C-alpha atoms as a PDB file:
ATOM      1  CA  MET A   1      -9.941  23.786 -22.299  1.00  0.00           C
ATOM      2  CA  SER A   2      -6.241  24.382 -22.792  1.00  0.00           C
ATOM      3  CA  ARG A   3      -4.123  21.590 -24.166  1.00  0.00           C
ATOM      4  CA  LYS A   4      -1.721  21.661 -21.203  1.00  0.00           C
ATOM      5  CA  PHE A   5      -4.594  21.439 -18.698  1.00  0.00           C
ATOM      6  CA  ARG A   6      -6.107  18.483 -20.586  1.00  0.00           C
ATOM      7  CA  GLN A   7      -2.688  16.803 -20.464  1.00  0.00           C
ATOM      8  CA  TRP A   8      -2.500  17.314 -16.693  1.00  0.00           C
ATOM      9  CA  VAL A   9      -5.943  15.775 -16.295  1.00  0.00           C
ATOM     10  CA  ASP A  10      -4.893  12.778 -18.404  1.00  0.00           C
ATOM     11  CA  ASP A  11      -1.615  12.404 -16.526  1.00  0.00           C
ATOM     12  CA  TYR A  12      -2.831  12.833 -12.941  1.00  0.00           C
ATOM     13  CA  GLN A  13      -6.529  11.998 -12.662  1.00  0.00           C
ATOM     14  CA  ASP A  14      -5.943   8.351 -11.719  1.00  0.00           C
ATOM     15  CA  GLN A  15      -3.443   9.240  -9.002  1.00  0.00           C
ATOM     16  CA  ALA A  16      -5.672  11.952  -7.583  1.00  0.00           C
ATOM     17  CA  TRP A  17      -8.688   9.632  -7.571  1.00  0.00           C
ATOM     18  CA  THR A  18      -6.741   6.816  -5.904  1.00  0.00           C
ATOM     19  CA  LEU A  19      -5.569   9.140  -3.149  1.00  0.00           C
ATOM     20  CA  ALA A  20      -9.091  10.486  -2.662  1.00  0.00           C
ATOM     21  CA  ARG A  21     -10.565   6.962  -2.672  1.00  0.00           C
ATOM     22  CA  TYR A  22      -8.194   5.805   0.061  1.00  0.00           C
ATOM     23  CA  LEU A  23      -8.877   8.871   2.179  1.00  0.00           C
ATOM     24  CA  LEU A  24     -12.644   9.135   1.723  1.00  0.00           C
ATOM     25  CA  LYS A  25     -13.504   5.433   1.269  1.00  0.00           C
ATOM     26  CA  ASP A  26     -16.334   6.362  -1.076  1.00  0.00           C
ATOM     27  CA  PRO A  27     -15.861   6.274  -4.870  1.00  0.00           C
ATOM     28  CA  ALA A  28     -18.528   8.875  -5.608  1.00  0.00           C
ATOM     29  CA  GLU A  29     -17.213  11.293  -3.015  1.00  0.00           C
ATOM     30  CA  ALA A  30     -13.662  10.665  -4.286  1.00  0.00           C
ATOM     31  CA  GLU A  31     -14.788  11.699  -7.776  1.00  0.00           C
ATOM     32  CA  ASP A  32     -16.337  14.878  -6.379  1.00  0.00           C
ATOM     33  CA  ALA A  33     -13.168  15.672  -4.441  1.00  0.00           C
ATOM     34  CA  CYS A  34     -11.021  15.151  -7.537  1.00  0.00           C
ATOM     35  CA  GLN A  35     -13.272  17.368  -9.586  1.00  0.00           C
ATOM     36  CA  GLU A  36     -12.970  20.067  -6.933  1.00  0.00           C
ATOM     37  CA  ALA A  37      -9.174  19.728  -6.944  1.00  0.00           C
ATOM     38  CA  PHE A  38      -9.008  19.978 -10.737  1.00  0.00           C
ATOM     39  CA  VAL A  39     -11.253  23.069 -10.684  1.00  0.00           C
ATOM     40  CA  LYS A  40      -8.758  24.648  -8.294  1.00  0.00           C
ATOM     41  CA  LEU A  41      -5.952  23.641 -10.663  1.00  0.00           C
ATOM     42  CA  TRP A  42      -7.827  25.242 -13.573  1.00  0.00           C
ATOM     43  CA  ARG A  43      -8.264  28.483 -11.644  1.00  0.00           C
ATOM     44  CA  ASN A  44      -4.636  28.609 -10.469  1.00  0.00           C
ATOM     45  CA  GLN A  45      -2.781  27.061 -13.396  1.00  0.00           C
ATOM     46  CA  ASP A  46      -1.049  30.317 -14.360  1.00  0.00           C
ATOM     47  CA  ARG A  47       0.322  30.774 -10.826  1.00  0.00           C
ATOM     48  CA  ILE A  48       1.764  27.270 -10.391  1.00  0.00           C
ATOM     49  CA  ASP A  49       5.238  26.257 -11.472  1.00  0.00           C
ATOM     50  CA  PRO A  50       4.704  23.614 -14.216  1.00  0.00           C
ATOM     51  CA  GLU A  51       7.418  21.466 -12.630  1.00  0.00           C
ATOM     52  CA  ARG A  52       5.382  21.282  -9.408  1.00  0.00           C
ATOM     53  CA  ILE A  53       1.905  20.672 -10.838  1.00  0.00           C
ATOM     54  CA  LYS A  54       1.773  17.034  -9.724  1.00  0.00           C
ATOM     55  CA  ALA A  55       2.825  17.772  -6.144  1.00  0.00           C
ATOM     56  CA  TRP A  56       0.479  20.769  -6.012  1.00  0.00           C
ATOM     57  CA  LEU A  57      -2.461  18.733  -7.270  1.00  0.00           C
ATOM     58  CA  MET A  58      -1.846  15.845  -4.848  1.00  0.00           C
ATOM     59  CA  LYS A  59      -1.608  18.321  -1.963  1.00  0.00           C
ATOM     60  CA  VAL A  60      -4.840  20.064  -2.972  1.00  0.00           C
ATOM     61  CA  THR A  61      -6.603  16.712  -3.461  1.00  0.00           C
ATOM     62  CA  ARG A  62      -5.540  15.591   0.006  1.00  0.00           C
ATOM     63  CA  ASN A  63      -6.645  18.883   1.557  1.00  0.00           C
ATOM     64  CA  VAL A  64     -10.039  18.719  -0.182  1.00  0.00           C
ATOM     65  CA  CYS A  65     -10.483  15.188   1.180  1.00  0.00           C
ATOM     66  CA  LEU A  66      -9.488  16.184   4.700  1.00  0.00           C
ATOM     67  CA  ASP A  67     -11.947  19.095   4.552  1.00  0.00           C
ATOM     68  CA  ARG A  68     -14.697  16.700   3.479  1.00  0.00           C
ATOM     69  CA  LEU A  69     -13.829  14.329   6.334  1.00  0.00           C
ATOM     70  CA  ARG A  70     -14.000  17.198   8.832  1.00  0.00           C
ATOM     71  CA  ARG A  71     -17.443  18.206   7.570  1.00  0.00           C
ATOM     72  CA  ARG A  72     -18.867  14.734   8.066  1.00  0.00           C
ATOM     73  CA  HIS A  73     -21.177  14.272  10.998  1.00  0.00           C
ATOM     74  CA  PRO A  74     -19.012  13.502  14.071  1.00  0.00           C
ATOM     75  CA  THR A  75     -20.840  10.268  14.872  1.00  0.00           C
ATOM     76  CA  GLU A  76     -20.777   9.035  11.292  1.00  0.00           C
ATOM     77  CA  GLU A  77     -18.635   5.960  11.017  1.00  0.00           C
ATOM     78  CA  TRP A  78     -16.220   5.601   8.173  1.00  0.00           C
ATOM     79  CA  GLU A  79     -17.560   3.224   5.580  1.00  0.00           C
ATOM     80  CA  GLU A  80     -15.821  -0.119   5.627  1.00  0.00           C
ATOM     81  CA  TRP A  81     -14.739  -1.881   2.460  1.00  0.00           C
ATOM     82  CA  GLN A  82     -17.721  -3.788   1.187  1.00  0.00           C
ATOM     83  CA  GLN A  83     -18.020  -7.209   2.715  1.00  0.00           C
ATOM     84  CA  PRO A  84     -20.077 -10.042   1.267  1.00  0.00           C
ATOM     85  CA  GLU A  85     -23.588 -10.359   2.695  1.00  0.00           C
ATOM     86  CA  ASP A  86     -24.422 -13.423   4.789  1.00  0.00           C
ATOM     87  CA  GLY A  87     -24.362 -16.490   2.604  1.00  0.00           C
ATOM     88  CA  ALA A  88     -22.424 -14.795  -0.171  1.00  0.00           C
ATOM     89  CA  VAL A  89     -19.037 -16.194  -1.064  1.00  0.00           C
ATOM     90  CA  TRP A  90     -16.233 -14.381  -2.843  1.00  0.00           C
ATOM     91  CA  ILE A  91     -14.341 -16.938  -4.829  1.00  0.00           C
ATOM     92  CA  GLN A  92     -11.908 -15.929  -7.504  1.00  0.00           C
ATOM     93  CA  PRO A  93     -11.580 -18.559 -10.195  1.00  0.00           C
ATOM     94  CA  GLY A  94      -8.164 -20.071 -10.592  1.00  0.00           C
ATOM     95  CA  PRO A  95      -5.576 -21.582  -8.323  1.00  0.00           C
ATOM     96  CA  LEU A  96      -5.657 -21.204  -4.567  1.00  0.00           C
ATOM     97  CA  GLN A  97      -2.669 -18.881  -4.784  1.00  0.00           C
ATOM     98  CA  ASP A  98      -4.688 -16.367  -6.797  1.00  0.00           C
ATOM     99  CA  LEU A  99      -7.397 -16.432  -4.162  1.00  0.00           C
ATOM    100  CA  GLN A 100      -4.876 -15.880  -1.402  1.00  0.00           C
ATOM    101  CA  GLN A 101      -3.334 -12.937  -3.307  1.00  0.00           C
ATOM    102  CA  HIS A 102      -6.771 -11.421  -3.770  1.00  0.00           C
ATOM    103  CA  GLU A 103      -7.545 -11.799  -0.067  1.00  0.00           C
ATOM    104  CA  LEU A 104      -4.179 -10.288   0.854  1.00  0.00           C
ATOM    105  CA  GLY A 105      -4.856  -7.337  -1.458  1.00  0.00           C
ATOM    106  CA  GLU A 106      -8.235  -6.745   0.167  1.00  0.00           C
ATOM    107  CA  TRP A 107      -6.668  -7.007   3.601  1.00  0.00           C
ATOM    108  CA  LEU A 108      -4.004  -4.449   2.642  1.00  0.00           C
ATOM    109  CA  LYS A 109      -6.641  -2.001   1.389  1.00  0.00           C
ATOM    110  CA  HIS A 110      -8.546  -2.424   4.620  1.00  0.00           C
ATOM    111  CA  SER A 111      -5.379  -2.049   6.718  1.00  0.00           C
ATOM    112  CA  ILE A 112      -4.233   1.064   4.870  1.00  0.00           C
ATOM    113  CA  ASN A 113      -7.666   2.581   5.415  1.00  0.00           C
ATOM    114  CA  GLY A 114      -7.301   1.815   9.119  1.00  0.00           C
ATOM    115  CA  LEU A 115      -4.194   3.975   9.427  1.00  0.00           C
ATOM    116  CA  THR A 116      -4.564   7.461  10.849  1.00  0.00           C
ATOM    117  CA  GLU A 117      -3.355  10.602   9.118  1.00  0.00           C
ATOM    118  CA  PRO A 118      -0.690  11.362   8.029  1.00  0.00           C
ATOM    119  CA  TYR A 119       0.277   7.671   7.894  1.00  0.00           C
ATOM    120  CA  ARG A 120      -2.479   6.745   5.427  1.00  0.00           C
ATOM    121  CA  SER A 121      -1.520   9.539   3.025  1.00  0.00           C
ATOM    122  CA  LEU A 122       2.144   8.636   3.294  1.00  0.00           C
ATOM    123  CA  VAL A 123       1.569   4.975   2.438  1.00  0.00           C
ATOM    124  CA  VAL A 124      -0.762   5.810  -0.449  1.00  0.00           C
ATOM    125  CA  LEU A 125       1.525   8.450  -1.939  1.00  0.00           C
ATOM    126  CA  ARG A 126       4.810   6.613  -1.462  1.00  0.00           C
ATOM    127  CA  ASP A 127       4.029   2.887  -1.572  1.00  0.00           C
ATOM    128  CA  VAL A 128       0.847   2.697  -3.639  1.00  0.00           C
ATOM    129  CA  GLN A 129       1.451   5.542  -6.090  1.00  0.00           C
ATOM    130  CA  GLN A 130       5.264   5.381  -5.993  1.00  0.00           C
ATOM    131  CA  HIS A 131       5.903   9.118  -5.544  1.00  0.00           C
ATOM    132  CA  SER A 132       9.432  10.094  -4.544  1.00  0.00           C
ATOM    133  CA  TYR A 133      10.166  10.982  -0.935  1.00  0.00           C
ATOM    134  CA  GLU A 134      10.666  14.598  -2.007  1.00  0.00           C
ATOM    135  CA  GLU A 135       7.265  14.727  -3.722  1.00  0.00           C
ATOM    136  CA  VAL A 136       5.580  13.234  -0.664  1.00  0.00           C
ATOM    137  CA  ALA A 137       7.313  15.788   1.571  1.00  0.00           C
ATOM    138  CA  ASN A 138       6.081  18.617  -0.656  1.00  0.00           C
ATOM    139  CA  VAL A 139       2.513  17.320  -0.811  1.00  0.00           C
ATOM    140  CA  LEU A 140       2.217  16.769   2.941  1.00  0.00           C
ATOM    141  CA  GLU A 141       4.344  19.770   3.904  1.00  0.00           C
ATOM    142  CA  LEU A 142       6.681  17.634   5.970  1.00  0.00           C
ATOM    143  CA  SER A 143      10.445  17.519   6.096  1.00  0.00           C
ATOM    144  CA  LEU A 144      12.180  14.639   4.361  1.00  0.00           C
ATOM    145  CA  THR A 145      13.156  13.265   7.770  1.00  0.00           C
ATOM    146  CA  GLN A 146       9.557  13.395   8.988  1.00  0.00           C
ATOM    147  CA  VAL A 147       8.387  11.565   5.868  1.00  0.00           C
ATOM    148  CA  LYS A 148      10.887   8.782   6.446  1.00  0.00           C
ATOM    149  CA  VAL A 149      10.127   8.474  10.169  1.00  0.00           C
ATOM    150  CA  TYR A 150       6.348   8.537   9.714  1.00  0.00           C
ATOM    151  CA  LEU A 151       6.537   6.117   6.803  1.00  0.00           C
ATOM    152  CA  HIS A 152       8.617   3.751   8.938  1.00  0.00           C
ATOM    153  CA  ARG A 153       5.963   3.913  11.670  1.00  0.00           C
ATOM    154  CA  ALA A 154       3.133   3.358   9.192  1.00  0.00           C
ATOM    155  CA  ARG A 155       4.848   0.339   7.649  1.00  0.00           C
ATOM    156  CA  LYS A 156       5.528  -1.037  11.128  1.00  0.00           C
ATOM    157  CA  GLN A 157       1.815  -0.781  11.961  1.00  0.00           C
ATOM    158  CA  LEU A 158       0.962  -2.602   8.725  1.00  0.00           C
ATOM    159  CA  ARG A 159       3.503  -5.360   9.491  1.00  0.00           C
ATOM    160  CA  GLU A 160       2.059  -5.810  12.963  1.00  0.00           C
ATOM    161  CA  GLN A 161      -1.430  -6.128  11.511  1.00  0.00           C
ATOM    162  CA  LEU A 162      -0.171  -8.662   8.975  1.00  0.00           C
ATOM    163  CA  ALA A 163       1.454 -10.714  11.732  1.00  0.00           C
ATOM    164  CA  GLU A 164      -1.957 -10.944  13.424  1.00  0.00           C
ATOM    165  CA  VAL A 165      -3.654 -12.487  10.387  1.00  0.00           C
ATOM    166  CA  ARG A 166      -0.888 -14.841   9.295  1.00  0.00           C
ATOM    167  CA  PRO A 167      -1.053 -18.338  10.758  1.00  0.00           C
END
């Protein structure tokens, strides 16, 4: 394995897996999708501008995930985030504030997963992974204006959902 390819894997595997995990909602399938994306990177590494490797890889990872979602059985429901079984209690040790932060984090994951495409990808790439607007536009093949408009709409949907759960 070439040194530069190994460096790309080290640099981008977590971001690719996070994107795949949010899109596919299944850790094992996310790993498979990432592996497929990195195989494509390996095969095409000589044809890709080194300055655009990250954007290229995120775009390919997203496309692999969308292909996997399309191949799923039409009646198959998307897996929800794991919930405790009846009688089980999730309690995080520590102050009440820590528990509330944990619950809010779980709610945000669930809410982000509830967004439709391209909103989910936009929020994950821009807000979770902190990619620049330009990188997000390249990955999703959208104009900078579209990225900003769609991201505004996605954040608005998340705010509205938050308003519903806040007392």
